[in-house]
C-alpha atoms as a PDB file:
ATOM      1  CA  MET A   1     -21.746  -0.746   7.294  1.00  0.00           C
ATOM      2  CA  ALA A   2     -19.504  -3.298   9.002  1.00  0.00           C
ATOM      3  CA  PRO A   3     -17.767  -4.388   5.759  1.00  0.00           C
ATOM      4  CA  PHE A   4     -16.804  -0.785   5.042  1.00  0.00           C
ATOM      5  CA  PHE A   5     -15.311  -0.351   8.504  1.00  0.00           C
ATOM      6  CA  ALA A   6     -13.435  -3.633   8.148  1.00  0.00           C
ATOM      7  CA  ALA A   7     -12.114  -2.623   4.729  1.00  0.00           C
ATOM      8  CA  GLY A   8     -11.037   0.750   6.134  1.00  0.00           C
ATOM      9  CA  LEU A   9      -9.093  -0.959   8.904  1.00  0.00           C
ATOM     10  CA  VAL A  10      -7.388  -3.262   6.405  1.00  0.00           C
ATOM     11  CA  ILE A  11      -6.405  -0.286   4.232  1.00  0.00           C
ATOM     12  CA  LEU A  12      -5.078   1.678   7.220  1.00  0.00           C
ATOM     13  CA  TYR A  13      -3.072  -1.336   8.396  1.00  0.00           C
ATOM     14  CA  GLY A  14      -1.558  -1.716   4.923  1.00  0.00           C
ATOM     15  CA  VAL A  15      -0.646   1.961   4.672  1.00  0.00           C
ATOM     16  CA  ASN A  16       0.899   1.886   8.151  1.00  0.00           C
ATOM     17  CA  SER A  17       3.012  -1.181   7.431  1.00  0.00           C
ATOM     18  CA  PHE A  18       4.140   0.291   4.104  1.00  0.00           C
ATOM     19  CA  ALA A  19       5.144   3.530   5.851  1.00  0.00           C
ATOM     20  CA  ASN A  20       7.140   1.570   8.429  1.00  0.00           C
ATOM     21  CA  VAL A  21       8.958  -0.279   5.654  1.00  0.00           C
ATOM     22  CA  MET A  22       9.703   2.979   3.831  1.00  0.00           C
ATOM     23  CA  MET A  23      11.104   4.571   7.015  1.00  0.00           C
ATOM     24  CA  SER A  24      13.731   1.845   7.276  1.00  0.00           C
ATOM     25  CA  THR A  25      15.054   2.160   3.717  1.00  0.00           C
ATOM     26  CA  ALA A  26      18.461   3.699   3.081  1.00  0.00           C
ATOM     27  CA  GLU A  27      17.002   6.770   1.393  1.00  0.00           C
ATOM     28  CA  PHE A  28      14.878   7.841   4.369  1.00  0.00           C
ATOM     29  CA  LYS A  29      16.938   6.376   7.229  1.00  0.00           C
ATOM     30  CA  ASN A  30      18.792   9.648   7.889  1.00  0.00           C
ATOM     31  CA  ASP A  31      15.902  11.988   7.076  1.00  0.00           C
ATOM     32  CA  PRO A  32      15.320  14.424   9.976  1.00  0.00           C
ATOM     33  CA  ARG A  33      11.556  13.863   9.657  1.00  0.00           C
ATOM     34  CA  ASN A  34      11.998  10.171  10.463  1.00  0.00           C
ATOM     35  CA  PRO A  35      10.555   9.531  13.965  1.00  0.00           C
ATOM     36  CA  ASN A  36      12.996   6.659  14.540  1.00  0.00           C
ATOM     37  CA  LEU A  37      15.908   9.087  14.218  1.00  0.00           C
ATOM     38  CA  LYS A  38      14.900  11.112  17.304  1.00  0.00           C
ATOM     39  CA  ASN A  39      16.035   8.319  19.634  1.00  0.00           C
ATOM     40  CA  GLN A  40      19.616   8.513  18.372  1.00  0.00           C
ATOM     41  CA  LYS A  41      22.148  11.225  19.146  1.00  0.00           C
ATOM     42  CA  HIS A  42      24.209  12.547  16.252  1.00  0.00           C
END
């Protein structure tokens, strides 16, 4: 079972890093659902 858990962690890490990259693109930078936007005042 250990290889499946390891593969799951690798997949989750990849999805998380891809989501972080997508949040910083120009298209989603000013999206109100972006959690990084909550720290800034309009």
